[in-house]
Protein backbone atom coordinates (compact mmCIF):
# COMPACT_ATOMS: atom_id res chain seq x y z
CA MET A 1 27.29 -21.66 -9.21
CA PRO A 2 25.57 -20.30 -12.33
CA ASP A 3 22.28 -18.49 -12.07
CA MET A 4 19.18 -20.48 -12.83
CA PRO A 5 16.94 -18.83 -15.40
CA GLU A 6 13.89 -17.17 -13.98
CA ALA A 7 10.55 -18.83 -14.68
CA GLY A 8 8.50 -16.45 -16.80
CA THR A 9 9.31 -13.03 -18.15
CA GLY A 10 7.63 -9.63 -18.16
CA TRP A 11 4.46 -9.45 -16.14
CA LEU A 12 4.75 -13.17 -15.39
CA SER A 13 8.20 -12.91 -13.83
CA VAL A 14 8.72 -14.31 -10.35
CA ARG A 15 9.18 -10.85 -8.81
CA ALA A 16 6.14 -9.44 -10.62
CA ARG A 17 3.99 -12.37 -9.42
CA TRP A 18 5.38 -11.86 -5.89
CA GLY A 19 4.44 -8.16 -5.99
CA TYR A 20 1.01 -8.81 -7.50
CA GLY A 21 0.32 -11.51 -4.89
CA ILE A 22 1.15 -9.11 -2.07
CA ALA A 23 -1.01 -6.43 -3.71
CA ALA A 24 -3.94 -8.86 -3.94
CA ALA A 25 -3.53 -9.93 -0.30
CA VAL A 26 -3.41 -6.29 0.87
CA LEU A 27 -6.46 -5.43 -1.25
CA LEU A 28 -8.47 -8.35 0.14
CA LEU A 29 -7.47 -7.72 3.77
CA ASP A 30 -8.15 -4.00 3.36
CA GLN A 31 -11.61 -4.49 1.87
CA TRP A 32 -12.54 -7.16 4.41
CA SER A 33 -11.44 -4.97 7.33
CA LYS A 34 -13.28 -1.92 5.97
CA HIS A 35 -16.44 -3.98 5.50
CA TRP A 36 -16.13 -5.25 9.05
CA ALA A 37 -15.55 -1.74 10.42
CA SER A 38 -18.49 -0.34 8.45
CA THR A 39 -20.87 -2.97 9.82
CA ALA A 40 -19.52 -3.34 13.38
CA LEU A 41 -18.73 0.26 14.32
CA THR A 42 -20.89 3.34 14.70
CA TYR A 43 -19.74 6.37 12.72
CA ARG A 44 -17.45 8.64 14.78
CA GLU A 45 -18.01 6.73 18.06
CA PRO A 46 -14.62 5.50 19.32
CA VAL A 47 -14.23 2.00 20.71
CA PRO A 48 -11.21 2.15 23.05
CA LEU A 49 -8.94 -0.90 22.91
CA THR A 50 -6.00 0.56 24.85
CA SER A 51 -5.15 3.95 26.33
CA TRP A 52 -3.64 4.93 22.96
CA PHE A 53 -5.57 2.89 20.37
CA ASP A 54 -9.25 3.10 19.36
CA LEU A 55 -11.38 1.77 16.59
CA LEU A 56 -13.14 4.77 15.08
CA LEU A 57 -15.20 4.60 11.89
CA ALA A 58 -14.54 7.67 9.74
CA HIS A 59 -15.10 8.58 6.09
CA ASN A 60 -12.36 10.52 4.34
CA THR A 61 -13.27 12.30 1.08
CA GLY A 62 -9.76 13.72 0.79
CA ALA A 63 -6.30 12.23 0.67
CA ALA A 64 -3.79 11.59 3.46
CA PHE A 65 -4.57 13.58 6.62
CA SER A 66 -7.91 14.55 5.01
CA PHE A 67 -6.09 16.81 2.54
CA LEU A 68 -8.72 18.52 0.34
CA ALA A 69 -11.55 16.70 2.15
CA ASP A 70 -13.79 19.79 1.96
CA ALA A 71 -12.92 20.72 -1.64
CA GLY A 72 -16.44 20.25 -3.03
CA GLY A 73 -16.26 16.85 -4.74
CA TRP A 74 -13.77 17.34 -7.59
CA GLN A 75 -11.02 15.82 -5.42
CA ARG A 76 -12.65 12.39 -5.69
CA TRP A 77 -11.90 12.25 -9.42
CA PHE A 78 -8.53 13.94 -9.04
CA PHE A 79 -7.36 11.36 -6.48
CA THR A 80 -8.86 8.58 -8.61
CA LEU A 81 -6.83 9.72 -11.63
CA ILE A 82 -3.64 10.04 -9.58
CA THR A 83 -4.13 6.56 -8.10
CA VAL A 84 -4.75 4.99 -11.51
CA LEU A 85 -1.62 6.64 -12.95
CA VAL A 86 0.56 5.61 -10.00
CA SER A 87 -0.85 2.07 -10.16
CA VAL A 88 0.07 1.79 -13.84
CA VAL A 89 3.60 2.97 -13.04
CA LEU A 90 3.85 0.39 -10.22
CA VAL A 91 2.64 -2.43 -12.49
CA VAL A 92 5.20 -1.51 -15.16
CA TRP A 93 7.91 -1.16 -12.51
CA LEU A 94 7.09 -4.62 -11.15
CA THR A 95 7.22 -6.18 -14.63
CA ARG A 96 10.71 -4.75 -15.22
CA LEU A 97 12.11 -5.51 -11.79
CA PRO A 98 15.23 -7.72 -11.71
CA ARG A 99 14.64 -10.99 -9.91
CA HIS A 100 17.00 -10.24 -7.02
CA ARG A 101 14.97 -7.19 -5.94
CA ILE A 102 12.60 -9.10 -3.64
CA TRP A 103 12.35 -6.30 -1.05
CA LEU A 104 11.49 -3.77 -3.71
CA ALA A 105 8.91 -6.16 -5.21
CA MET A 106 7.35 -6.53 -1.77
CA ALA A 107 7.31 -2.76 -1.24
CA LEU A 108 5.75 -2.09 -4.64
CA GLY A 109 3.13 -4.77 -3.96
CA LEU A 110 2.24 -3.19 -0.62
CA ILE A 111 1.87 0.24 -2.20
CA LEU A 112 -0.09 -1.09 -5.18
CA GLY A 113 -2.49 -3.09 -2.99
CA GLY A 114 -3.02 -0.17 -0.62
CA GLY A 115 -3.61 2.25 -3.45
CA LEU A 116 -6.12 -0.09 -5.09
CA GLY A 117 -7.91 -0.63 -1.77
CA ASN A 118 -8.45 3.08 -1.30
CA LEU A 119 -9.29 3.51 -5.00
CA TRP A 120 -12.04 0.90 -4.66
CA ASP A 121 -13.57 2.83 -1.77
CA ARG A 122 -13.35 6.13 -3.58
CA LEU A 123 -15.05 4.73 -6.70
CA GLN A 124 -17.72 2.71 -4.86
CA LEU A 125 -18.48 5.02 -1.94
CA GLY A 126 -17.10 8.45 -2.80
CA TYR A 127 -14.87 8.35 0.30
CA VAL A 128 -12.27 6.13 1.95
CA VAL A 129 -13.26 4.14 5.03
CA ASP A 130 -10.86 4.69 7.94
CA PHE A 131 -11.15 2.98 11.32
CA ILE A 132 -7.81 2.88 13.13
CA SER A 133 -7.21 5.74 15.56
CA LEU A 134 -3.98 6.27 17.49
CA HIS A 135 -3.60 8.93 20.16
CA TYR A 136 -1.62 10.02 23.16
CA GLY A 137 -3.03 12.38 25.73
CA GLY A 138 -4.89 15.00 23.73
CA TRP A 139 -2.92 14.37 20.51
CA TYR A 140 -4.70 12.33 17.83
CA TRP A 141 -3.21 10.92 14.65
CA PRO A 142 -5.70 11.07 11.75
CA ALA A 143 -7.71 7.86 11.41
CA PHE A 144 -6.36 5.40 8.85
CA ASN A 145 -6.88 1.88 7.50
CA VAL A 146 -5.03 -1.25 6.33
CA ALA A 147 -4.41 0.24 2.87
CA ASP A 148 -2.81 3.34 4.36
CA SER A 149 -0.62 1.15 6.56
CA ALA A 150 0.49 -0.96 3.59
CA ILE A 151 1.37 2.15 1.59
CA SER A 152 3.39 3.54 4.51
CA VAL A 153 5.24 0.27 5.15
CA GLY A 154 5.95 -0.09 1.42
CA ALA A 155 7.36 3.44 1.24
CA CYS A 156 9.58 2.76 4.29
CA ILE A 157 10.89 -0.44 2.67
CA ILE A 158 11.77 1.48 -0.51
CA VAL A 159 13.69 4.05 1.54
CA LEU A 160 15.51 1.34 3.54
CA ASP A 161 16.24 -0.63 0.36
CA SER A 162 17.89 2.44 -1.15
CA PHE A 163 20.43 2.50 1.70
CA PHE A 164 21.78 -0.94 0.74
CA PRO A 165 22.85 -0.73 -2.90
CA GLY A 166 25.27 -3.66 -2.49
CA ALA A 167 22.38 -5.96 -1.65
CA GLN A 168 20.64 -5.02 -4.89
CA ARG A 169 23.04 -6.85 -7.22
CA PRO A 170 24.45 -10.01 -5.66
CA GLU A 171 27.86 -11.21 -6.81
CA ASP A 172 28.65 -14.83 -7.56
CA SER A 173 31.86 -16.61 -6.58
CA THR A 174 33.71 -15.13 -9.60
CA GLY A 175 32.96 -11.61 -8.45
CA SER A 176 30.75 -10.73 -11.43
CA LYS A 177 27.41 -9.12 -10.90
CA HIS A 178 24.18 -10.72 -12.08
CA GLU A 179 21.59 -8.91 -14.07
């Protein structure tokens, strides 16, 4: 069966729209959850939900794991610049993505939405709002948020997707590969 042409090209391609839609959903969910956490929780007072999971409002002026959090303020603009550059790369990548790369489009959308969610916080507040705290015994994972989770899941999908190169270019009944 011959391939049907894809509706739209470039930034309007089906895969690009799929990725942008996921990014928008992540951004909205992230900002809503951070607003909720900022209004419902008291700063640095944990609300235990299970023996290993708390809600804990925290403000992170650094990057992952509070990297450079105490650097004096310049890191805000450094991380902003890095996020903008990576976001541009992700947008271009999405626009050039072949239509059969749905998992990669989803992963890029997750990473883009998460990055934009944290960028919004950094620009508006000067820090990123975190509120999810996981722990076991006396070991605590650094607090994180929906954006961080989306970025992590997106990165895992990219790694998993790279292990299945045959799934990246489906063959039709004649054995030829589609672009």
